[in-house]
C-alpha atoms as a PDB file:
ATOM      1  CA  UNK A   1      -0.811   6.715  21.979  1.00  0.00           C
ATOM      2  CA  UNK A   2       1.368   8.581  19.719  1.00  0.00           C
ATOM      3  CA  UNK A   3      -0.072  11.435  17.893  1.00  0.00           C
ATOM      4  CA  UNK A   4       2.475  11.979  15.049  1.00  0.00           C
ATOM      5  CA  UNK A   5       5.205   9.546  13.945  1.00  0.00           C
ATOM      6  CA  UNK A   6       7.913  11.592  12.042  1.00  0.00           C
ATOM      7  CA  UNK A   7       9.009   9.120   9.091  1.00  0.00           C
ATOM      8  CA  UNK A   8      11.700  10.355   6.244  1.00  0.00           C
ATOM      9  CA  UNK A   9      10.451  10.258   3.035  1.00  0.00           C
ATOM     10  CA  UNK A  10      13.519   8.431   1.846  1.00  0.00           C
ATOM     11  CA  UNK A  11      12.299   5.371   4.183  1.00  0.00           C
ATOM     12  CA  UNK A  12      12.665   2.125   2.358  1.00  0.00           C
ATOM     13  CA  UNK A  13      10.892  -1.154   3.149  1.00  0.00           C
ATOM     14  CA  UNK A  14      11.947  -4.676   1.505  1.00  0.00           C
ATOM     15  CA  UNK A  15      12.402  -8.167   1.116  1.00  0.00           C
ATOM     16  CA  UNK A  16      14.794 -10.220  -0.857  1.00  0.00           C
ATOM     17  CA  UNK A  17      11.743  -9.700  -3.865  1.00  0.00           C
ATOM     18  CA  UNK A  18       9.890  -6.739  -3.435  1.00  0.00           C
ATOM     19  CA  UNK A  19      10.580  -2.806  -2.040  1.00  0.00           C
ATOM     20  CA  UNK A  20       8.567   0.088  -1.080  1.00  0.00           C
ATOM     21  CA  UNK A  21       9.073   3.465  -1.197  1.00  0.00           C
ATOM     22  CA  UNK A  22       7.409   6.863  -0.869  1.00  0.00           C
ATOM     23  CA  UNK A  23       6.296   8.131  -5.054  1.00  0.00           C
ATOM     24  CA  UNK A  24       8.505  10.574  -6.387  1.00  0.00           C
ATOM     25  CA  UNK A  25       8.105  13.046  -8.987  1.00  0.00           C
ATOM     26  CA  UNK A  26      10.607  11.280 -11.276  1.00  0.00           C
ATOM     27  CA  UNK A  27       8.424   8.303 -11.232  1.00  0.00           C
ATOM     28  CA  UNK A  28       5.390   9.969 -13.311  1.00  0.00           C
ATOM     29  CA  UNK A  29       6.552   8.554 -17.053  1.00  0.00           C
ATOM     30  CA  UNK A  30       6.849   4.889 -15.042  1.00  0.00           C
ATOM     31  CA  UNK A  31       3.671   5.223 -13.090  1.00  0.00           C
ATOM     32  CA  UNK A  32       2.126   6.293 -16.661  1.00  0.00           C
ATOM     33  CA  UNK A  33       3.130   3.362 -18.246  1.00  0.00           C
ATOM     34  CA  UNK A  34       2.067   1.174 -15.443  1.00  0.00           C
ATOM     35  CA  UNK A  35      -1.335   2.489 -14.864  1.00  0.00           C
ATOM     36  CA  UNK A  36      -2.182   2.504 -18.885  1.00  0.00           C
ATOM     37  CA  UNK A  37      -1.079  -0.793 -19.549  1.00  0.00           C
ATOM     38  CA  UNK A  38      -2.840  -2.154 -16.148  1.00  0.00           C
ATOM     39  CA  UNK A  39      -6.214   0.246 -17.199  1.00  0.00           C
ATOM     40  CA  UNK A  40      -8.335  -2.591 -17.814  1.00  0.00           C
ATOM     41  CA  UNK A  41      -7.112  -4.910 -15.125  1.00  0.00           C
ATOM     42  CA  UNK A  42      -7.969  -2.241 -12.463  1.00  0.00           C
ATOM     43  CA  UNK A  43     -11.055  -0.773 -13.744  1.00  0.00           C
ATOM     44  CA  UNK A  44     -13.366  -2.903 -11.791  1.00  0.00           C
ATOM     45  CA  UNK A  45     -11.976  -2.692  -8.542  1.00  0.00           C
ATOM     46  CA  UNK A  46     -10.993   1.260  -8.749  1.00  0.00           C
ATOM     47  CA  UNK A  47     -13.661   4.104  -7.388  1.00  0.00           C
ATOM     48  CA  UNK A  48     -13.898   6.169 -10.838  1.00  0.00           C
ATOM     49  CA  UNK A  49     -11.824   9.501 -11.419  1.00  0.00           C
ATOM     50  CA  UNK A  50     -13.599  13.001 -10.920  1.00  0.00           C
ATOM     51  CA  UNK A  51     -15.383  14.120 -14.509  1.00  0.00           C
ATOM     52  CA  UNK A  52     -13.168  16.064 -16.359  1.00  0.00           C
ATOM     53  CA  UNK A  53     -10.118  14.830 -14.905  1.00  0.00           C
ATOM     54  CA  UNK A  54      -7.140  12.613 -16.639  1.00  0.00           C
ATOM     55  CA  UNK A  55      -5.860  10.307 -13.830  1.00  0.00           C
ATOM     56  CA  UNK A  56      -2.790   9.358 -16.445  1.00  0.00           C
ATOM     57  CA  UNK A  57      -1.997  12.625 -17.450  1.00  0.00           C
ATOM     58  CA  UNK A  58       1.566  14.162 -16.422  1.00  0.00           C
ATOM     59  CA  UNK A  59      -0.451  17.005 -14.560  1.00  0.00           C
ATOM     60  CA  UNK A  60      -2.749  15.035 -12.631  1.00  0.00           C
ATOM     61  CA  UNK A  61      -0.196  12.332 -11.646  1.00  0.00           C
ATOM     62  CA  UNK A  62       2.624  15.030 -10.827  1.00  0.00           C
ATOM     63  CA  UNK A  63      -0.441  16.707  -8.311  1.00  0.00           C
ATOM     64  CA  UNK A  64      -1.033  13.231  -6.928  1.00  0.00           C
ATOM     65  CA  UNK A  65       2.513  12.806  -5.855  1.00  0.00           C
ATOM     66  CA  UNK A  66       2.899  16.053  -4.701  1.00  0.00           C
ATOM     67  CA  UNK A  67      -0.311  15.561  -2.622  1.00  0.00           C
ATOM     68  CA  UNK A  68       0.923  12.074  -1.487  1.00  0.00           C
ATOM     69  CA  UNK A  69       3.995  13.407  -0.276  1.00  0.00           C
ATOM     70  CA  UNK A  70       2.626  16.283   1.724  1.00  0.00           C
ATOM     71  CA  UNK A  71      -0.048  14.238   3.239  1.00  0.00           C
ATOM     72  CA  UNK A  72       3.265  11.311   4.256  1.00  0.00           C
ATOM     73  CA  UNK A  73       4.666  14.634   5.768  1.00  0.00           C
ATOM     74  CA  UNK A  74       1.357  15.386   8.106  1.00  0.00           C
ATOM     75  CA  UNK A  75       1.373  11.644   9.040  1.00  0.00           C
ATOM     76  CA  UNK A  76      -2.202  11.305   7.636  1.00  0.00           C
ATOM     77  CA  UNK A  77      -1.371   8.915   5.024  1.00  0.00           C
ATOM     78  CA  UNK A  78       1.547   6.547   3.563  1.00  0.00           C
ATOM     79  CA  UNK A  79       1.236   5.416  -0.068  1.00  0.00           C
ATOM     80  CA  UNK A  80       4.084   3.251  -1.133  1.00  0.00           C
ATOM     81  CA  UNK A  81       4.982   2.559  -4.656  1.00  0.00           C
ATOM     82  CA  UNK A  82       6.067  -1.554  -4.995  1.00  0.00           C
ATOM     83  CA  UNK A  83       9.094  -1.953  -6.553  1.00  0.00           C
ATOM     84  CA  UNK A  84      10.499  -5.121  -8.176  1.00  0.00           C
ATOM     85  CA  UNK A  85      14.063  -5.838  -6.774  1.00  0.00           C
ATOM     86  CA  UNK A  86      15.842  -6.677  -9.855  1.00  0.00           C
ATOM     87  CA  UNK A  87      18.073  -4.584 -12.296  1.00  0.00           C
ATOM     88  CA  UNK A  88      16.198  -0.514 -12.743  1.00  0.00           C
ATOM     89  CA  UNK A  89      13.574  -2.024  -9.830  1.00  0.00           C
ATOM     90  CA  UNK A  90      10.419  -1.580 -12.023  1.00  0.00           C
ATOM     91  CA  UNK A  91       7.451  -0.329 -10.558  1.00  0.00           C
ATOM     92  CA  UNK A  92       4.970  -3.009 -10.368  1.00  0.00           C
ATOM     93  CA  UNK A  93       2.034  -1.621  -7.754  1.00  0.00           C
ATOM     94  CA  UNK A  94       0.947   0.388  -4.635  1.00  0.00           C
ATOM     95  CA  UNK A  95       0.300  -0.090  -1.059  1.00  0.00           C
ATOM     96  CA  UNK A  96      -1.473   2.518   0.797  1.00  0.00           C
ATOM     97  CA  UNK A  97      -2.040   3.026   4.470  1.00  0.00           C
ATOM     98  CA  UNK A  98      -4.691   6.412   4.155  1.00  0.00           C
ATOM     99  CA  UNK A  99      -7.245   7.873   6.674  1.00  0.00           C
ATOM    100  CA  UNK A 100      -4.408   7.804   9.601  1.00  0.00           C
ATOM    101  CA  UNK A 101      -6.393   8.664  12.515  1.00  0.00           C
ATOM    102  CA  UNK A 102      -4.893   9.048  15.842  1.00  0.00           C
ATOM    103  CA  UNK A 103      -6.298   9.866  19.575  1.00  0.00           C
ATOM    104  CA  UNK A 104      -8.368   7.016  20.525  1.00  0.00           C
ATOM    105  CA  UNK A 105      -8.407   5.100  17.153  1.00  0.00           C
ATOM    106  CA  UNK A 106      -5.018   4.662  16.181  1.00  0.00           C
ATOM    107  CA  UNK A 107      -6.269   3.223  12.918  1.00  0.00           C
ATOM    108  CA  UNK A 108      -5.723   3.126   9.037  1.00  0.00           C
ATOM    109  CA  UNK A 109      -7.063   2.019   5.824  1.00  0.00           C
ATOM    110  CA  UNK A 110      -5.342  -0.570   3.611  1.00  0.00           C
ATOM    111  CA  UNK A 111      -5.553  -0.646  -0.118  1.00  0.00           C
ATOM    112  CA  UNK A 112      -3.258  -2.115  -2.809  1.00  0.00           C
ATOM    113  CA  UNK A 113      -2.848  -3.426  -6.607  1.00  0.00           C
ATOM    114  CA  UNK A 114      -0.116  -5.163  -8.295  1.00  0.00           C
ATOM    115  CA  UNK A 115       0.966  -5.126 -12.050  1.00  0.00           C
ATOM    116  CA  UNK A 116      -1.175  -7.735 -14.052  1.00  0.00           C
ATOM    117  CA  UNK A 117       1.795  -8.953 -15.505  1.00  0.00           C
ATOM    118  CA  UNK A 118       3.264  -9.984 -11.815  1.00  0.00           C
ATOM    119  CA  UNK A 119       0.568 -11.128 -10.401  1.00  0.00           C
ATOM    120  CA  UNK A 120       0.282 -15.070  -8.973  1.00  0.00           C
ATOM    121  CA  UNK A 121       3.843 -14.770  -7.615  1.00  0.00           C
ATOM    122  CA  UNK A 122       3.264 -13.730  -3.953  1.00  0.00           C
ATOM    123  CA  UNK A 123       4.542 -10.267  -4.440  1.00  0.00           C
ATOM    124  CA  UNK A 124       1.470  -8.160  -3.459  1.00  0.00           C
ATOM    125  CA  UNK A 125       1.220 -10.418  -0.246  1.00  0.00           C
ATOM    126  CA  UNK A 126       5.327  -9.407   0.449  1.00  0.00           C
ATOM    127  CA  UNK A 127       4.343  -5.827  -0.127  1.00  0.00           C
ATOM    128  CA  UNK A 128       1.053  -6.020   2.080  1.00  0.00           C
ATOM    129  CA  UNK A 129       3.348  -7.934   5.033  1.00  0.00           C
ATOM    130  CA  UNK A 130       5.826  -5.152   4.553  1.00  0.00           C
ATOM    131  CA  UNK A 131       3.169  -2.313   5.092  1.00  0.00           C
ATOM    132  CA  UNK A 132       1.792  -4.128   8.002  1.00  0.00           C
ATOM    133  CA  UNK A 133       4.979  -4.076  10.198  1.00  0.00           C
ATOM    134  CA  UNK A 134       5.342  -0.311   9.108  1.00  0.00           C
ATOM    135  CA  UNK A 135       1.810   0.280  10.335  1.00  0.00           C
ATOM    136  CA  UNK A 136       1.774  -1.524  13.488  1.00  0.00           C
ATOM    137  CA  UNK A 137       5.810  -1.474  14.663  1.00  0.00           C
ATOM    138  CA  UNK A 138       7.223   1.810  12.831  1.00  0.00           C
ATOM    139  CA  UNK A 139       3.652   3.905  13.366  1.00  0.00           C
ATOM    140  CA  UNK A 140       2.354   2.197  16.436  1.00  0.00           C
ATOM    141  CA  UNK A 141      -0.985   2.076  15.136  1.00  0.00           C
ATOM    142  CA  UNK A 142      -3.360  -0.273  16.718  1.00  0.00           C
ATOM    143  CA  UNK A 143      -5.958  -1.369  13.744  1.00  0.00           C
ATOM    144  CA  UNK A 144      -6.060  -1.823   9.882  1.00  0.00           C
ATOM    145  CA  UNK A 145      -9.068  -2.085   8.059  1.00  0.00           C
ATOM    146  CA  UNK A 146      -9.427  -3.105   4.143  1.00  0.00           C
ATOM    147  CA  UNK A 147     -12.966  -2.915   2.021  1.00  0.00           C
ATOM    148  CA  UNK A 148     -12.885  -5.632  -0.561  1.00  0.00           C
ATOM    149  CA  UNK A 149     -15.454  -6.348  -3.366  1.00  0.00           C
ATOM    150  CA  UNK A 150     -16.660  -9.696  -2.871  1.00  0.00           C
ATOM    151  CA  UNK A 151     -15.909 -11.082  -6.151  1.00  0.00           C
ATOM    152  CA  UNK A 152     -12.138  -9.904  -5.948  1.00  0.00           C
ATOM    153  CA  UNK A 153     -11.263 -13.211  -4.807  1.00  0.00           C
ATOM    154  CA  UNK A 154      -6.983 -12.348  -4.761  1.00  0.00           C
ATOM    155  CA  UNK A 155      -7.443  -9.520  -2.728  1.00  0.00           C
ATOM    156  CA  UNK A 156      -9.526 -11.439  -0.477  1.00  0.00           C
ATOM    157  CA  UNK A 157      -6.646 -14.266  -0.278  1.00  0.00           C
ATOM    158  CA  UNK A 158      -3.996 -11.774   0.064  1.00  0.00           C
ATOM    159  CA  UNK A 159      -5.976 -10.376   3.621  1.00  0.00           C
ATOM    160  CA  UNK A 160      -7.020 -13.542   4.906  1.00  0.00           C
ATOM    161  CA  UNK A 161      -3.264 -15.298   4.882  1.00  0.00           C
ATOM    162  CA  UNK A 162      -2.199 -12.472   6.217  1.00  0.00           C
ATOM    163  CA  UNK A 163      -4.158 -12.992   9.058  1.00  0.00           C
ATOM    164  CA  UNK A 164      -7.439 -10.275   8.549  1.00  0.00           C
ATOM    165  CA  UNK A 165     -10.725 -10.892   9.919  1.00  0.00           C
ATOM    166  CA  UNK A 166     -14.019 -10.687   7.904  1.00  0.00           C
ATOM    167  CA  UNK A 167     -15.965  -8.588   9.828  1.00  0.00           C
ATOM    168  CA  UNK A 168     -19.124  -7.691   7.926  1.00  0.00           C
ATOM    169  CA  UNK A 169     -20.812  -6.992   4.531  1.00  0.00           C
ATOM    170  CA  UNK A 170     -21.445  -3.712   3.759  1.00  0.00           C
ATOM    171  CA  UNK A 171     -24.362  -2.873   0.951  1.00  0.00           C
ATOM    172  CA  UNK A 172     -23.308  -0.018  -1.792  1.00  0.00           C
ATOM    173  CA  UNK A 173     -19.946   1.174  -0.206  1.00  0.00           C
ATOM    174  CA  UNK A 174     -18.356   2.597  -3.190  1.00  0.00           C
ATOM    175  CA  UNK A 175     -19.046   3.859  -6.457  1.00  0.00           C
ATOM    176  CA  UNK A 176     -17.126   2.158  -8.718  1.00  0.00           C
ATOM    177  CA  UNK A 177     -17.754   2.113 -12.670  1.00  0.00           C
ATOM    178  CA  UNK A 178     -20.893   4.338 -12.112  1.00  0.00           C
ATOM    179  CA  UNK A 179     -22.352   1.942  -9.654  1.00  0.00           C
ATOM    180  CA  UNK A 180     -22.799   1.594  -6.148  1.00  0.00           C
ATOM    181  CA  UNK A 181     -21.078  -1.684  -5.138  1.00  0.00           C
ATOM    182  CA  UNK A 182     -20.919  -3.885  -2.180  1.00  0.00           C
ATOM    183  CA  UNK A 183     -17.936  -4.541  -0.160  1.00  0.00           C
ATOM    184  CA  UNK A 184     -16.840  -7.001   2.336  1.00  0.00           C
ATOM    185  CA  UNK A 185     -14.700  -5.446   5.165  1.00  0.00           C
ATOM    186  CA  UNK A 186     -11.673  -6.729   6.861  1.00  0.00           C
ATOM    187  CA  UNK A 187      -9.697  -5.940  10.207  1.00  0.00           C
ATOM    188  CA  UNK A 188      -6.524  -6.794  12.187  1.00  0.00           C
ATOM    189  CA  UNK A 189      -5.423  -5.159  15.232  1.00  0.00           C
ATOM    190  CA  UNK A 190      -1.790  -4.953  16.427  1.00  0.00           C
ATOM    191  CA  UNK A 191      -2.888  -7.790  18.927  1.00  0.00           C
ATOM    192  CA  UNK A 192      -3.522 -10.479  16.273  1.00  0.00           C
ATOM    193  CA  UNK A 193      -0.936  -9.609  13.748  1.00  0.00           C
ATOM    194  CA  UNK A 194       1.649 -11.928  13.631  1.00  0.00           C
ATOM    195  CA  UNK A 195       5.043 -11.432  11.140  1.00  0.00           C
ATOM    196  CA  UNK A 196       5.977 -15.013  11.062  1.00  0.00           C
ATOM    197  CA  UNK A 197       5.759 -15.474   7.428  1.00  0.00           C
ATOM    198  CA  UNK A 198       8.602 -13.504   6.262  1.00  0.00           C
ATOM    199  CA  UNK A 199      10.350 -14.660   9.466  1.00  0.00           C
ATOM    200  CA  UNK A 200      12.623 -11.256   9.833  1.00  0.00           C
ATOM    201  CA  UNK A 201      14.128  -9.257  12.380  1.00  0.00           C
ATOM    202  CA  UNK A 202      11.620  -6.372  13.030  1.00  0.00           C
ATOM    203  CA  UNK A 203      14.507  -3.538  12.570  1.00  0.00           C
ATOM    204  CA  UNK A 204      15.130  -5.140   9.569  1.00  0.00           C
ATOM    205  CA  UNK A 205      11.687  -4.092   7.780  1.00  0.00           C
ATOM    206  CA  UNK A 206      12.431  -0.816   7.480  1.00  0.00           C
ATOM    207  CA  UNK A 207      15.412   1.454   6.618  1.00  0.00           C
ATOM    208  CA  UNK A 208      15.790   5.326   6.823  1.00  0.00           C
ATOM    209  CA  UNK A 209      17.532   5.925   3.731  1.00  0.00           C
ATOM    210  CA  UNK A 210      20.788   7.976   5.106  1.00  0.00           C
ATOM    211  CA  UNK A 211      23.026   6.389   2.739  1.00  0.00           C
ATOM    212  CA  UNK A 212      22.692   3.838  -0.384  1.00  0.00           C
ATOM    213  CA  UNK A 213      24.840   1.293   1.405  1.00  0.00           C
ATOM    214  CA  UNK A 214      22.554   1.005   4.807  1.00  0.00           C
ATOM    215  CA  UNK A 215      19.386   0.041   2.311  1.00  0.00           C
ATOM    216  CA  UNK A 216      20.970  -3.252   1.668  1.00  0.00           C
ATOM    217  CA  UNK A 217      21.510  -4.236   5.265  1.00  0.00           C
ATOM    218  CA  UNK A 218      19.684  -7.017   6.475  1.00  0.00           C
ATOM    219  CA  UNK A 219      17.849  -7.808   3.064  1.00  0.00           C
ATOM    220  CA  UNK A 220      18.383 -11.150   1.961  1.00  0.00           C
ATOM    221  CA  UNK A 221      15.156 -12.852   2.853  1.00  0.00           C
END
């Protein structure tokens, strides 16, 4: 059971339509724009920020990215920005593996969100599939867990399609919008995961960005 797997901050995961990579300081302005135009879309599902903080402020976003990169290096969390693979590769969302536990657990929490303008195209399903391959094959984790509000049918469908099991109903699990909201817990273990949906070779699911050309190898899927 690996206690720490070294993964470069330049690592990139991709399909023909979606790419995942670690956030960078140069993403601040674009993330601010994406989060701003999706504020109403994300508010019903997202924990409220601490009082006195502005999650869309340049300073706060910069601190968040710096923290996410530190956690990546420490192996405690892996936050990815999701990019649409077209000209200039705009940011369209986020996929995150957080609360990574080693020892006897070998587990992490899965979370994600997608720009409302790109919903309904299967893009987040592809992003989540990439994250699962990364978690189980690159990090060597054994279990992933996700918590979803009962009426968030879109997110629940993504998890079910990726093979997650519904494991239980938790009352007042997270404080969202000033209220303690119930959540449905989903789980998936390495024994249950099957990467057949993308039908790609295992070594094509992630790349270390040693050079630009390497990032395109095996990416026609």
